[in-house]
């Protein structure tokens, strides 16, 4: 469903909160809430929110890794493995 079909005024949210919660949980689509004709907030179910947050966190990790690669801050896998094995031997 297009987000443009999920635009409701604040008064609708106030008057139909239980129905809005049910719809959000069923449809897994956010709802845009307007006030005085302007979009003011987005409401979504908690599971979708958590999934979005997890996706954003993974994207940030990828972006950090990409930046490190571009800066040459990498260690070849063979060298990293050798380093880890050497550290393990020192602990034993």
C-alpha atoms as a PDB file:
ATOM      1  CA  UNK A   1       0.000   0.000   0.000  1.00  0.00           C
ATOM      2  CA  UNK A   2       1.283   3.457  -0.849  1.00  0.00           C
ATOM      3  CA  UNK A   3       2.092   5.708   2.091  1.00  0.00           C
ATOM      4  CA  UNK A   4      -0.042   8.415   0.473  1.00  0.00           C
ATOM      5  CA  UNK A   5      -3.083   6.235   1.173  1.00  0.00           C
ATOM      6  CA  UNK A   6      -2.172   6.113   4.859  1.00  0.00           C
ATOM      7  CA  UNK A   7      -2.443   9.832   5.607  1.00  0.00           C
ATOM      8  CA  UNK A   8      -4.828  10.735   8.402  1.00  0.00           C
ATOM      9  CA  UNK A   9      -5.445  13.874  10.476  1.00  0.00           C
ATOM     10  CA  UNK A  10      -4.551  13.934  14.140  1.00  0.00           C
ATOM     11  CA  UNK A  11      -8.247  13.972  15.010  1.00  0.00           C
ATOM     12  CA  UNK A  12      -8.643  10.585  13.288  1.00  0.00           C
ATOM     13  CA  UNK A  13      -5.838   9.117  15.389  1.00  0.00           C
ATOM     14  CA  UNK A  14      -7.400  10.484  18.567  1.00  0.00           C
ATOM     15  CA  UNK A  15     -10.864   9.156  17.722  1.00  0.00           C
ATOM     16  CA  UNK A  16      -9.786   5.771  16.323  1.00  0.00           C
ATOM     17  CA  UNK A  17      -6.605   4.842  18.231  1.00  0.00           C
ATOM     18  CA  UNK A  18      -7.489   1.136  18.748  1.00  0.00           C
ATOM     19  CA  UNK A  19      -8.405   0.755  15.073  1.00  0.00           C
ATOM     20  CA  UNK A  20      -5.217   2.531  13.983  1.00  0.00           C
ATOM     21  CA  UNK A  21      -3.127   0.189  16.145  1.00  0.00           C
ATOM     22  CA  UNK A  22      -4.874  -2.840  14.659  1.00  0.00           C
ATOM     23  CA  UNK A  23      -4.344  -1.578  11.098  1.00  0.00           C
ATOM     24  CA  UNK A  24      -0.686  -0.813  11.704  1.00  0.00           C
ATOM     25  CA  UNK A  25      -0.089  -4.298  13.094  1.00  0.00           C
ATOM     26  CA  UNK A  26      -1.951  -5.976  10.220  1.00  0.00           C
ATOM     27  CA  UNK A  27      -0.695  -3.933   7.279  1.00  0.00           C
ATOM     28  CA  UNK A  28       2.872  -3.334   8.446  1.00  0.00           C
ATOM     29  CA  UNK A  29       2.692   0.068   6.729  1.00  0.00           C
ATOM     30  CA  UNK A  30       3.379   3.368   8.484  1.00  0.00           C
ATOM     31  CA  UNK A  31       0.680   5.989   8.821  1.00  0.00           C
ATOM     32  CA  UNK A  32       1.347   9.692   8.310  1.00  0.00           C
ATOM     33  CA  UNK A  33      -0.449  11.959  10.756  1.00  0.00           C
ATOM     34  CA  UNK A  34      -1.223  15.534   9.775  1.00  0.00           C
ATOM     35  CA  UNK A  35      -1.975  18.593  11.856  1.00  0.00           C
ATOM     36  CA  UNK A  36      -3.526  21.627  10.211  1.00  0.00           C
ATOM     37  CA  UNK A  37      -2.968  19.994   6.826  1.00  0.00           C
ATOM     38  CA  UNK A  38       0.782  19.463   7.320  1.00  0.00           C
ATOM     39  CA  UNK A  39       2.491  16.109   7.850  1.00  0.00           C
ATOM     40  CA  UNK A  40       3.746  16.082  11.435  1.00  0.00           C
ATOM     41  CA  UNK A  41       4.599  12.511  12.347  1.00  0.00           C
ATOM     42  CA  UNK A  42       4.787   8.935  11.199  1.00  0.00           C
ATOM     43  CA  UNK A  43       3.264   6.133  13.252  1.00  0.00           C
ATOM     44  CA  UNK A  44       4.215   2.498  12.735  1.00  0.00           C
ATOM     45  CA  UNK A  45       3.977  -0.839  14.502  1.00  0.00           C
ATOM     46  CA  UNK A  46       6.814  -1.755  16.854  1.00  0.00           C
ATOM     47  CA  UNK A  47       8.022  -4.771  14.880  1.00  0.00           C
ATOM     48  CA  UNK A  48       8.466  -2.709  11.701  1.00  0.00           C
ATOM     49  CA  UNK A  49      10.218  -0.019  13.721  1.00  0.00           C
ATOM     50  CA  UNK A  50      12.648  -2.530  15.218  1.00  0.00           C
ATOM     51  CA  UNK A  51      13.334  -4.046  11.790  1.00  0.00           C
ATOM     52  CA  UNK A  52      14.023  -0.583  10.367  1.00  0.00           C
ATOM     53  CA  UNK A  53      16.383   0.232  13.236  1.00  0.00           C
ATOM     54  CA  UNK A  54      18.254  -3.047  12.739  1.00  0.00           C
ATOM     55  CA  UNK A  55      18.543  -2.372   9.011  1.00  0.00           C
ATOM     56  CA  UNK A  56      19.886   1.128   9.676  1.00  0.00           C
ATOM     57  CA  UNK A  57      22.445  -0.245  12.129  1.00  0.00           C
ATOM     58  CA  UNK A  58      23.655  -2.779   9.568  1.00  0.00           C
ATOM     59  CA  UNK A  59      23.883  -0.082   6.898  1.00  0.00           C
ATOM     60  CA  UNK A  60      25.967   2.072   9.242  1.00  0.00           C
ATOM     61  CA  UNK A  61      28.324  -0.851   9.867  1.00  0.00           C
ATOM     62  CA  UNK A  62      28.655  -1.404   6.114  1.00  0.00           C
ATOM     63  CA  UNK A  63      29.329   2.293   5.540  1.00  0.00           C
ATOM     64  CA  UNK A  64      32.015   2.286   8.242  1.00  0.00           C
ATOM     65  CA  UNK A  65      33.632  -0.782   6.704  1.00  0.00           C
ATOM     66  CA  UNK A  66      33.502   0.744   3.248  1.00  0.00           C
ATOM     67  CA  UNK A  67      35.154   3.892   4.575  1.00  0.00           C
ATOM     68  CA  UNK A  68      37.915   1.857   6.211  1.00  0.00           C
ATOM     69  CA  UNK A  69      38.522  -0.022   2.972  1.00  0.00           C
ATOM     70  CA  UNK A  70      38.788   3.250   1.048  1.00  0.00           C
ATOM     71  CA  UNK A  71      41.282   4.565   3.610  1.00  0.00           C
ATOM     72  CA  UNK A  72      43.358   1.416   3.322  1.00  0.00           C
ATOM     73  CA  UNK A  73      42.680   0.411   6.917  1.00  0.00           C
ATOM     74  CA  UNK A  74      42.455  -3.292   6.127  1.00  0.00           C
ATOM     75  CA  UNK A  75      44.388  -6.417   6.950  1.00  0.00           C
ATOM     76  CA  UNK A  76      44.452  -9.335   4.529  1.00  0.00           C
ATOM     77  CA  UNK A  77      42.595 -12.372   5.888  1.00  0.00           C
ATOM     78  CA  UNK A  78      45.747 -14.503   5.876  1.00  0.00           C
ATOM     79  CA  UNK A  79      47.645 -11.970   7.985  1.00  0.00           C
ATOM     80  CA  UNK A  80      44.719 -11.515  10.393  1.00  0.00           C
ATOM     81  CA  UNK A  81      44.383 -15.281  10.842  1.00  0.00           C
ATOM     82  CA  UNK A  82      48.127 -15.607  11.490  1.00  0.00           C
ATOM     83  CA  UNK A  83      47.974 -12.788  14.055  1.00  0.00           C
ATOM     84  CA  UNK A  84      45.034 -14.411  15.892  1.00  0.00           C
ATOM     85  CA  UNK A  85      46.796 -17.783  16.003  1.00  0.00           C
ATOM     86  CA  UNK A  86      49.944 -16.199  17.391  1.00  0.00           C
ATOM     87  CA  UNK A  87      47.959 -14.494  20.151  1.00  0.00           C
ATOM     88  CA  UNK A  88      46.237 -17.780  21.038  1.00  0.00           C
ATOM     89  CA  UNK A  89      49.589 -19.544  21.337  1.00  0.00           C
ATOM     90  CA  UNK A  90      50.885 -16.836  23.677  1.00  0.00           C
ATOM     91  CA  UNK A  91      47.884 -17.323  26.010  1.00  0.00           C
ATOM     92  CA  UNK A  92      48.430 -21.067  26.321  1.00  0.00           C
END
